[in-house]
Amino acid sequence: QVQLVESGGGSVQAGGSLRLSCAASGNTRSRICMAWFRQAPGKEREGVTAINTGVGIPLYADSVKGRFTVSLDNAKNTLTLQMNSLKPEDTAMYYCAADLSGYCPLSWQMPTKFNYWGQGTQVTVSS
């Protein structure tokens, strides 16, 4: 079992920055894949980025490459998403997710690959 709690959402103008954090607790000693997903109103939930707690190589959706940076503090069990050059199309509810099966799968952008979810934090980018 893993519990995930997100924080750090808010409102910002286009071009601005926000940082999201996800605190993980529970069975975090094993190698797990942690990810950020987002869901805008009327749209499907989409994978933004993922990182494995062992290997630590981040994966990004094409839409955020070069703008978003994910990092993992294994000592604090905290996943952080630094979002720069934000665009109105980045507006969504952002969710932290975890998969305990080991490495991040090739299909990491599919929500069904993740077993545990946080409650979400809203990000709103105005033009």
Protein backbone atom coordinates (compact mmCIF):
# COMPACT_ATOMS: atom_id res chain seq x y z
CA GLN A 1 0.00 0.00 0.00
CA VAL A 2 1.17 3.50 -0.84
CA GLN A 3 -0.43 6.79 0.12
CA LEU A 4 0.16 9.84 -2.06
CA VAL A 5 -0.54 13.47 -1.17
CA GLU A 6 -0.04 16.25 -3.71
CA SER A 7 0.54 19.93 -3.01
CA GLY A 8 1.64 23.07 -4.80
CA GLY A 9 -1.04 23.73 -7.38
CA GLY A 10 -2.39 27.19 -8.08
CA SER A 11 -3.01 29.85 -10.69
CA VAL A 12 -0.38 31.50 -12.85
CA GLN A 13 -0.17 33.53 -16.03
CA ALA A 14 1.15 32.02 -19.23
CA GLY A 15 4.93 31.85 -19.18
CA GLY A 16 5.03 31.46 -15.43
CA SER A 17 6.17 28.57 -13.25
CA LEU A 18 4.73 26.30 -10.61
CA ARG A 19 6.15 23.46 -8.55
CA LEU A 20 4.12 20.45 -7.51
CA SER A 21 5.09 18.00 -4.80
CA CYS A 22 3.89 14.52 -4.00
CA ALA A 23 4.65 12.99 -0.63
CA ALA A 24 4.61 9.21 -0.60
CA SER A 25 4.18 7.02 2.45
CA GLY A 26 3.66 3.33 3.08
CA ASN A 27 5.48 0.68 1.07
CA THR A 28 8.08 2.94 -0.49
CA ARG A 29 11.12 0.77 0.20
CA SER A 30 10.73 -1.31 -2.94
CA ARG A 31 11.53 -0.01 -6.37
CA ILE A 32 8.44 1.72 -7.69
CA CYS A 33 7.46 3.86 -10.64
CA MET A 34 6.06 7.27 -9.75
CA ALA A 35 4.34 9.52 -12.24
CA TRP A 36 2.38 12.70 -12.77
CA PHE A 37 -0.81 12.62 -14.77
CA ARG A 38 -3.19 15.43 -15.62
CA GLN A 39 -6.80 15.67 -16.63
CA ALA A 40 -8.51 18.70 -18.12
CA PRO A 41 -12.31 19.02 -18.13
CA GLY A 42 -13.84 16.85 -20.80
CA LYS A 43 -10.54 15.17 -21.64
CA GLU A 44 -8.94 11.85 -20.78
CA ARG A 45 -6.30 11.58 -18.11
CA GLU A 46 -2.84 11.76 -19.70
CA GLY A 47 0.63 10.89 -18.50
CA VAL A 48 2.95 13.86 -18.08
CA THR A 49 6.11 12.33 -16.65
CA ALA A 50 7.32 9.24 -14.83
CA ILE A 51 10.44 8.21 -12.97
CA ASN A 52 11.61 5.01 -11.32
CA THR A 53 12.83 5.22 -7.74
CA GLY A 54 15.75 2.91 -8.49
CA VAL A 55 17.08 3.91 -11.92
CA GLY A 56 15.91 7.51 -11.75
CA ILE A 57 15.73 8.12 -15.50
CA PRO A 58 12.77 10.44 -16.18
CA LEU A 59 10.26 9.97 -18.95
CA TYR A 60 8.27 12.86 -20.41
CA ALA A 61 5.29 13.40 -22.64
CA ASP A 62 6.24 15.26 -25.82
CA SER A 63 3.96 18.14 -24.86
CA VAL A 64 6.05 19.01 -21.79
CA LYS A 65 9.61 18.14 -22.83
CA GLY A 66 11.96 21.03 -22.23
CA ARG A 67 9.47 22.79 -19.94
CA PHE A 68 8.78 20.35 -17.10
CA THR A 69 11.35 18.64 -14.90
CA VAL A 70 10.62 15.76 -12.55
CA SER A 71 12.83 14.90 -9.62
CA LEU A 72 12.75 12.36 -6.83
CA ASP A 73 14.09 12.68 -3.31
CA ASN A 74 14.35 9.08 -2.17
CA ALA A 75 15.32 10.06 1.36
CA LYS A 76 12.13 12.10 1.78
CA ASN A 77 9.95 9.95 -0.47
CA THR A 78 8.94 13.08 -2.33
CA LEU A 79 8.30 13.49 -6.05
CA THR A 80 8.57 17.02 -7.40
CA LEU A 81 7.40 18.46 -10.72
CA GLN A 82 8.91 21.81 -11.72
CA MET A 83 6.77 23.37 -14.44
CA ASN A 84 8.21 26.28 -16.41
CA SER A 85 6.97 28.23 -19.43
CA LEU A 86 3.43 27.22 -18.59
CA LYS A 87 0.77 27.46 -21.27
CA PRO A 88 -3.02 27.72 -20.98
CA GLU A 89 -3.25 24.18 -22.35
CA ASP A 90 -1.40 22.96 -19.25
CA THR A 91 -4.50 23.82 -17.20
CA ALA A 92 -5.73 20.63 -15.56
CA MET A 93 -6.02 18.66 -12.36
CA TYR A 94 -2.64 17.08 -11.74
CA TYR A 95 -2.41 13.69 -10.06
CA CYS A 96 0.50 11.81 -8.55
CA ALA A 97 0.48 8.06 -9.20
CA ALA A 98 2.54 5.04 -8.19
CA ASP A 99 3.03 1.54 -9.54
CA LEU A 100 4.65 -1.02 -7.23
CA SER A 101 5.47 -3.58 -9.91
CA GLY A 102 9.02 -2.28 -10.44
CA TYR A 103 10.33 -0.32 -13.40
CA CYS A 104 8.22 2.21 -15.26
CA PRO A 105 6.51 0.31 -18.09
CA LEU A 106 6.82 1.32 -21.73
CA SER A 107 3.12 2.11 -21.55
CA TRP A 108 3.61 4.42 -18.55
CA GLN A 109 1.28 7.04 -20.05
CA MET A 110 -1.71 4.73 -19.57
CA PRO A 111 -3.48 5.46 -16.28
CA THR A 112 -4.45 1.79 -15.94
CA LYS A 113 -0.79 0.90 -15.33
CA PHE A 114 -0.83 2.65 -11.95
CA ASN A 115 -2.38 1.26 -8.79
CA TYR A 116 -2.21 4.20 -6.41
CA TRP A 117 -3.34 7.78 -6.86
CA GLY A 118 -3.33 11.02 -4.94
CA GLN A 119 -6.32 13.28 -4.62
CA GLY A 120 -5.07 15.77 -7.20
CA THR A 121 -4.08 19.42 -7.23
CA GLN A 122 -5.43 22.06 -9.62
CA VAL A 123 -3.18 23.99 -11.99
CA THR A 124 -4.70 26.92 -13.86
CA VAL A 125 -2.77 28.90 -16.47
CA SER A 126 -4.34 32.08 -17.80
CA SER A 127 -3.44 33.73 -21.08
